[in-house]
C-alpha cells in the first residue's frame, strides 16, 4: 500500500464511507490530502507538528467564540480527542481567491480593502477573547512556557539574529531587533496574554465566492499580547490600502502605532531570516505576499513611523539600514 492509499484508508475509516479523487496537494508543513465525497470537496490535514510552531488550527476552532468561527474553514472531523499518535482533521473546501492573488492580478480595490480591514479587526477582537496563561509558543493547550513576555520575545529573536549576522548581505542590520527591544522594553511589556495569530499574511486571507473573508491557514497562534499579532499583520499589509483602512478603524494612538511598527520590523526580520536560512530567493528583493514593497523597504518605513511617533529628530530621517 502506497503512502496516498494509507491516508485514504484512514480518512475512510474516520468518515465511515468511501472517498474519491484523492491526491496529496502539500507535504511541506503538514500532509494535506484533497478529496471528494458526496459531491463536495474536502481537505484532510495530517499534522507533523514540527518546526518553529505547532499547528494549533483544531484547538483554535474549538475555543474561538462561535461568532468568530465564520472566519475559518468548516471543521468536519478531527481525531484530537482520540488516543491516536498521528493527529488529523478534515475541513470543507473554501472557494475564492487569496488577497495576494487579488493584489497581484488586479490590485486591491477600496471595497476589498474596507472589507478585509473590518473583518480582520473583528477577527482579532474575537480571538483575543480566548485568554491564555504565561507567554510563548503553544502546543495543543492555552499555556505558554515563559513567565515573562520580554524573555520570550527576546529569546525568540536568537535564531533570527544569528542567521542574519552570519549572512554577509544581512549582517549589517542583524542587531536591529535587540536595539528595538532594549529601547522599547517598557512599551512592549504589556503584562497580559491572549490567543494571538502570527501568520496573517495575504496568502492566508481569502475572499470567498460570497465576498466574505476567510483565514485559510490560521493554526500559527501563540500566547502573547494581541498587539504582537496585529503588528505581524501590519508587517504584511503596510504600504497597502488594507493597512490604511485597518489603522483608520483601530483609531490607534501614536503609542499603539509605534508598538505595531516595532512588531512589524521583528516579523519582517524573522521572515527574512527564514528565507536566508532556506536559501529562498534574493533576499534584497524579497517581498511579503501581495505587497509591492520589499522587506528591507518596509523595515525602513517602519523605522520612520517609529521616529515620527517618538517625535524626535524631526529634521533628520532615520538612516536606511541598506546604506
Protein backbone atom coordinates (compact mmCIF):
# COMPACT_ATOMS: atom_id res chain seq x y z
CA UNK A 1 0.00 0.00 0.00
CA UNK A 2 1.49 3.35 -1.07
CA UNK A 3 1.51 6.50 1.07
CA UNK A 4 -1.61 8.04 -0.51
CA UNK A 5 -3.66 4.87 -0.05
CA UNK A 6 -2.66 4.73 3.61
CA UNK A 7 -4.04 8.23 4.12
CA UNK A 8 -7.17 7.41 2.11
CA UNK A 9 -7.84 4.39 4.33
CA UNK A 10 -7.54 6.49 7.48
CA UNK A 11 -9.91 9.11 6.07
CA UNK A 12 -12.44 6.49 5.00
CA UNK A 13 -12.26 4.74 8.38
CA UNK A 14 -12.88 8.06 10.13
CA UNK A 15 -15.81 9.04 7.93
CA UNK A 16 -17.25 5.53 7.57
CA UNK A 17 -17.57 5.84 3.79
CA UNK A 18 -15.58 5.79 0.55
CA UNK A 19 -13.97 8.90 -0.86
CA UNK A 20 -13.00 9.85 -4.42
CA UNK A 21 -10.31 11.70 -6.39
CA UNK A 22 -7.83 11.74 -3.52
CA UNK A 23 -4.47 13.43 -4.09
CA UNK A 24 -1.64 14.78 -1.98
CA UNK A 25 -1.56 18.55 -2.50
CA UNK A 26 1.06 19.51 0.09
CA UNK A 27 3.88 17.86 2.02
CA UNK A 28 5.60 20.98 3.37
CA UNK A 29 4.45 21.87 6.88
CA UNK A 30 1.78 19.17 7.04
CA UNK A 31 0.48 16.41 4.77
CA UNK A 32 -2.66 17.69 3.04
CA UNK A 33 -4.97 15.38 1.10
CA UNK A 34 -7.62 16.78 -1.23
CA UNK A 35 -10.60 14.51 -1.89
CA UNK A 36 -14.28 14.44 -2.87
CA UNK A 37 -17.26 12.94 -1.06
CA UNK A 38 -20.99 13.27 -1.74
CA UNK A 39 -20.33 15.89 -4.41
CA UNK A 40 -18.28 18.18 -2.17
CA UNK A 41 -14.53 18.80 -1.94
CA UNK A 42 -12.63 18.44 1.34
CA UNK A 43 -9.09 18.69 2.64
CA UNK A 44 -7.65 16.34 5.24
CA UNK A 45 -4.65 17.77 7.08
CA UNK A 46 -2.28 15.33 8.81
CA UNK A 47 -0.26 17.36 11.30
CA UNK A 48 3.51 16.92 11.53
CA UNK A 49 3.76 19.38 14.45
CA UNK A 50 7.40 20.07 13.76
CA UNK A 51 9.29 23.28 13.06
CA UNK A 52 9.07 26.68 14.72
CA UNK A 53 5.40 26.48 15.62
CA UNK A 54 2.94 23.67 16.25
CA UNK A 55 -0.17 23.94 14.06
CA UNK A 56 -2.99 24.72 16.52
CA UNK A 57 -5.79 25.01 13.97
CA UNK A 58 -8.10 22.47 15.64
CA UNK A 59 -7.53 23.96 19.10
CA UNK A 60 -8.28 27.42 17.72
CA UNK A 61 -11.53 26.20 16.15
CA UNK A 62 -12.65 24.56 19.38
CA UNK A 63 -12.07 27.57 21.64
CA UNK A 64 -12.87 30.50 19.35
CA UNK A 65 -16.19 32.21 20.19
CA UNK A 66 -18.96 30.99 17.88
CA UNK A 67 -19.25 34.31 16.05
CA UNK A 68 -15.54 34.09 15.23
CA UNK A 69 -15.81 30.70 13.51
CA UNK A 70 -17.29 32.36 10.42
CA UNK A 71 -13.75 33.45 9.56
CA UNK A 72 -12.46 29.85 9.49
CA UNK A 73 -12.99 26.82 7.26
CA UNK A 74 -15.75 24.47 8.42
CA UNK A 75 -14.25 21.68 10.53
CA UNK A 76 -15.95 18.34 9.71
CA UNK A 77 -13.83 15.89 11.68
CA UNK A 78 -10.79 15.65 13.93
CA UNK A 79 -9.23 12.84 15.98
CA UNK A 80 -7.67 15.18 18.55
CA UNK A 81 -9.85 13.72 21.30
CA UNK A 82 -8.81 10.15 20.43
CA UNK A 83 -5.75 8.26 21.60
CA UNK A 84 -4.02 8.20 18.22
CA UNK A 85 -0.40 9.14 17.56
CA UNK A 86 -0.91 10.98 14.26
CA UNK A 87 -3.49 13.73 14.51
CA UNK A 88 -5.55 14.85 11.54
CA UNK A 89 -8.59 16.94 10.72
CA UNK A 90 -10.94 17.32 7.76
CA UNK A 91 -12.17 20.69 6.51
CA UNK A 92 -14.58 21.76 3.78
CA UNK A 93 -13.06 23.47 0.74
CA UNK A 94 -13.23 27.26 0.65
CA UNK A 95 -13.64 28.57 -2.88
CA UNK A 96 -12.35 32.01 -3.71
CA UNK A 97 -9.12 33.95 -4.19
CA UNK A 98 -6.45 34.90 -1.71
CA UNK A 99 -5.76 38.56 -1.06
CA UNK A 100 -2.29 38.02 -2.53
CA UNK A 101 -3.83 36.78 -5.79
CA UNK A 102 -6.19 39.75 -5.93
CA UNK A 103 -3.33 42.17 -5.26
CA UNK A 104 -1.15 40.62 -7.96
CA UNK A 105 -3.90 40.24 -10.59
CA UNK A 106 -5.85 43.49 -10.49
CA UNK A 107 -4.90 45.29 -7.32
CA UNK A 108 -6.84 45.68 -4.09
CA UNK A 109 -9.85 47.93 -4.52
CA UNK A 110 -11.16 50.31 -1.86
CA UNK A 111 -14.13 47.99 -1.37
CA UNK A 112 -11.97 44.91 -0.80
CA UNK A 113 -9.60 46.84 1.48
CA UNK A 114 -12.56 48.05 3.54
CA UNK A 115 -13.94 44.52 3.82
CA UNK A 116 -10.62 42.96 4.81
CA UNK A 117 -9.79 45.70 7.33
CA UNK A 118 -13.18 45.39 9.05
CA UNK A 119 -13.06 41.60 9.07
CA UNK A 120 -9.50 41.36 10.37
CA UNK A 121 -10.24 43.84 13.14
CA UNK A 122 -13.26 41.77 14.19
CA UNK A 123 -11.27 38.53 13.92
CA UNK A 124 -8.53 39.92 16.15
CA UNK A 125 -11.19 41.03 18.63
CA UNK A 126 -12.79 37.57 18.64
CA UNK A 127 -9.56 35.63 19.01
CA UNK A 128 -8.32 37.90 21.81
CA UNK A 129 -11.31 36.84 23.91
CA UNK A 130 -9.56 33.50 24.38
CA UNK A 131 -7.37 34.12 27.42
CA UNK A 132 -4.11 32.22 27.85
CA UNK A 133 -1.60 31.50 30.59
CA UNK A 134 2.03 32.62 30.51
CA UNK A 135 3.65 33.51 27.17
CA UNK A 136 5.17 31.85 24.13
CA UNK A 137 4.53 29.08 21.64
CA UNK A 138 1.54 26.80 22.15
CA UNK A 139 1.20 23.08 21.51
CA UNK A 140 -2.40 21.97 21.89
CA UNK A 141 -3.05 23.91 25.10
CA UNK A 142 -3.60 27.53 26.12
CA UNK A 143 -0.45 27.80 28.23
CA UNK A 144 2.92 29.04 27.10
CA UNK A 145 6.18 28.25 28.87
CA UNK A 146 7.52 31.75 29.66
CA UNK A 147 6.56 33.65 32.78
CA UNK A 148 7.78 36.92 31.28
CA UNK A 149 6.80 38.16 27.83
CA UNK A 150 10.01 40.14 27.35
CA UNK A 151 12.06 36.99 27.94
CA UNK A 152 10.01 35.11 25.33
CA UNK A 153 10.28 37.81 22.69
CA UNK A 154 13.99 38.28 23.45
CA UNK A 155 14.83 34.59 23.08
CA UNK A 156 12.55 34.27 20.03
CA UNK A 157 14.91 36.62 18.19
CA UNK A 158 18.02 34.47 18.79
CA UNK A 159 17.77 32.37 15.57
CA UNK A 160 16.94 35.47 13.53
CA UNK A 161 19.89 37.47 14.82
CA UNK A 162 22.30 34.57 14.33
CA UNK A 163 21.10 33.85 10.78
CA UNK A 164 21.21 37.48 9.67
CA UNK A 165 24.62 38.04 11.26
CA UNK A 166 26.20 35.02 9.56
CA UNK A 167 24.94 36.09 6.12
CA UNK A 168 27.12 38.75 4.51
CA UNK A 169 24.19 40.51 2.84
CA UNK A 170 22.20 40.90 6.06
CA UNK A 171 24.90 41.18 8.73
CA UNK A 172 24.85 44.98 8.93
CA UNK A 173 21.38 45.10 10.49
CA UNK A 174 21.36 41.84 12.48
CA UNK A 175 21.44 43.80 15.75
CA UNK A 176 18.32 45.84 14.95
CA UNK A 177 15.85 43.52 16.79
CA UNK A 178 17.74 43.84 20.06
CA UNK A 179 18.24 47.56 19.69
CA UNK A 180 14.47 47.93 19.34
CA UNK A 181 13.78 45.62 22.27
CA UNK A 182 16.27 47.39 24.53
CA UNK A 183 14.94 50.85 23.75
CA UNK A 184 11.25 49.91 23.91
CA UNK A 185 11.10 47.24 26.64
CA UNK A 186 8.65 49.21 28.76
CA UNK A 187 6.34 49.85 25.78
CA UNK A 188 6.28 46.17 24.80
CA UNK A 189 5.85 44.71 28.29
CA UNK A 190 2.04 44.92 28.30
CA UNK A 191 1.59 42.30 31.03
CA UNK A 192 -1.39 40.38 29.60
CA UNK A 193 -1.76 37.38 27.30
CA UNK A 194 -4.38 36.01 24.94
CA UNK A 195 -4.56 33.82 21.87
CA UNK A 196 -2.65 35.75 19.22
CA UNK A 197 -2.31 34.93 15.49
CA UNK A 198 1.13 35.42 13.97
CA UNK A 199 0.77 34.47 10.29
CA UNK A 200 -1.84 36.87 8.91
CA UNK A 201 -0.21 37.26 5.52
CA UNK A 202 -2.12 37.98 2.31
CA UNK A 203 -1.71 34.38 1.14
CA UNK A 204 -3.65 33.19 4.21
CA UNK A 205 -6.52 35.66 3.77
CA UNK A 206 -9.15 34.67 1.21
CA UNK A 207 -12.19 36.40 -0.24
CA UNK A 208 -14.64 33.55 -0.84
CA UNK A 209 -17.31 33.28 -3.52
CA UNK A 210 -19.78 35.11 -1.28
CA UNK A 211 -17.39 38.02 -0.80
CA UNK A 212 -16.65 37.04 2.80
CA UNK A 213 -13.19 36.97 4.40
CA UNK A 214 -11.74 33.62 5.45
CA UNK A 215 -8.49 32.86 7.27
CA UNK A 216 -7.46 29.69 5.44
CA UNK A 217 -4.39 28.64 7.44
CA UNK A 218 -4.93 30.01 10.95
CA UNK A 219 -3.02 27.48 13.06
CA UNK A 220 0.00 29.68 13.88
CA UNK A 221 -1.10 31.14 17.21
CA UNK A 222 0.86 31.97 20.35
CA UNK A 223 0.22 33.28 23.85
CA UNK A 224 1.10 36.98 23.78
CA UNK A 225 -0.37 40.47 23.88
CA UNK A 226 -2.68 40.91 20.87
CA UNK A 227 -0.61 43.87 19.63
CA UNK A 228 2.09 41.40 18.59
CA UNK A 229 -0.39 39.67 16.27
CA UNK A 230 -1.63 42.99 14.91
CA UNK A 231 1.98 44.06 14.35
CA UNK A 232 2.60 40.90 12.36
CA UNK A 233 -0.43 41.72 10.19
CA UNK A 234 0.93 45.25 9.82
CA UNK A 235 4.25 43.78 8.64
CA UNK A 236 2.47 42.24 5.65
CA UNK A 237 -0.05 44.99 4.94
CA UNK A 238 1.94 48.21 5.44
CA UNK A 239 2.02 50.31 2.28
CA UNK A 240 -1.31 48.94 1.04
CA UNK A 241 -4.89 50.18 1.19
CA UNK A 242 -5.64 47.41 3.64
CA UNK A 243 -3.21 48.87 6.19
CA UNK A 244 -4.59 52.39 5.78
CA UNK A 245 -8.18 51.21 6.31
CA UNK A 246 -7.20 48.97 9.21
CA UNK A 247 -5.31 51.65 11.15
CA UNK A 248 -8.14 54.10 10.50
CA UNK A 249 -10.64 51.64 12.00
CA UNK A 250 -8.50 50.82 15.03
CA UNK A 251 -8.28 54.51 15.96
CA UNK A 252 -4.82 53.58 17.23
CA UNK A 253 -2.86 56.09 19.27
CA UNK A 254 0.70 57.04 18.28
CA UNK A 255 1.94 54.75 21.05
CA UNK A 256 -0.03 51.82 19.62
CA UNK A 257 1.13 52.55 16.08
CA UNK A 258 4.70 52.65 17.30
CA UNK A 259 4.23 49.28 19.01
CA UNK A 260 2.73 47.78 15.83
CA UNK A 261 5.66 49.04 13.77
CA UNK A 262 8.19 47.52 16.17
CA UNK A 263 6.48 44.16 15.86
CA UNK A 264 6.23 44.70 12.11
CA UNK A 265 10.01 45.06 11.92
CA UNK A 266 10.60 41.98 14.09
CA UNK A 267 8.21 39.97 11.93
CA UNK A 268 9.83 41.08 8.68
CA UNK A 269 13.28 40.22 10.01
CA UNK A 270 12.10 36.80 11.18
CA UNK A 271 10.75 36.08 7.70
CA UNK A 272 13.97 37.31 6.10
CA UNK A 273 15.96 35.00 8.36
CA UNK A 274 13.76 32.09 7.29
CA UNK A 275 14.37 32.93 3.62
CA UNK A 276 18.13 33.22 4.17
CA UNK A 277 18.25 30.01 6.20
CA UNK A 278 16.45 28.09 3.46
CA UNK A 279 18.17 29.86 0.55
CA UNK A 280 14.87 31.12 -0.90
CA UNK A 281 15.11 33.90 -3.47
CA UNK A 282 17.26 37.04 -3.49
CA UNK A 283 16.94 38.50 -0.01
CA UNK A 284 17.31 42.15 -1.07
CA UNK A 285 14.36 41.73 -3.48
CA UNK A 286 12.08 39.54 -1.35
CA UNK A 287 8.60 40.90 -0.58
CA UNK A 288 5.60 39.85 1.51
CA UNK A 289 2.82 38.16 -0.46
CA UNK A 290 0.75 40.76 -2.31
CA UNK A 291 2.89 43.75 -1.26
CA UNK A 292 4.92 45.82 -3.72
CA UNK A 293 7.50 46.78 -1.06
CA UNK A 294 10.49 44.61 -0.22
CA UNK A 295 11.08 43.56 3.37
CA UNK A 296 14.03 45.95 3.53
CA UNK A 297 11.89 48.85 2.29
CA UNK A 298 9.17 48.02 4.79
CA UNK A 299 11.66 47.89 7.67
CA UNK A 300 12.96 51.33 6.73
CA UNK A 301 9.43 52.71 6.53
CA UNK A 302 8.55 51.30 9.94
CA UNK A 303 11.69 52.91 11.39
CA UNK A 304 10.42 56.23 10.09
CA UNK A 305 6.98 55.60 11.60
CA UNK A 306 8.64 54.86 14.94
CA UNK A 307 10.71 58.02 14.72
CA UNK A 308 7.63 60.04 13.84
CA UNK A 309 5.70 58.60 16.78
CA UNK A 310 8.54 59.47 19.13
CA UNK A 311 8.52 62.99 17.73
CA UNK A 312 12.31 63.18 17.73
CA UNK A 313 14.89 64.04 15.11
CA UNK A 314 12.20 65.87 13.14
CA UNK A 315 14.67 67.31 10.69
CA UNK A 316 16.58 64.11 10.07
CA UNK A 317 15.26 60.90 8.57
CA UNK A 318 16.41 57.62 10.18
CA UNK A 319 19.39 56.15 8.40
CA UNK A 320 18.34 53.42 5.94
CA UNK A 321 19.55 50.01 7.00
CA UNK A 322 20.62 49.31 3.42
CA UNK A 323 23.16 52.13 3.43
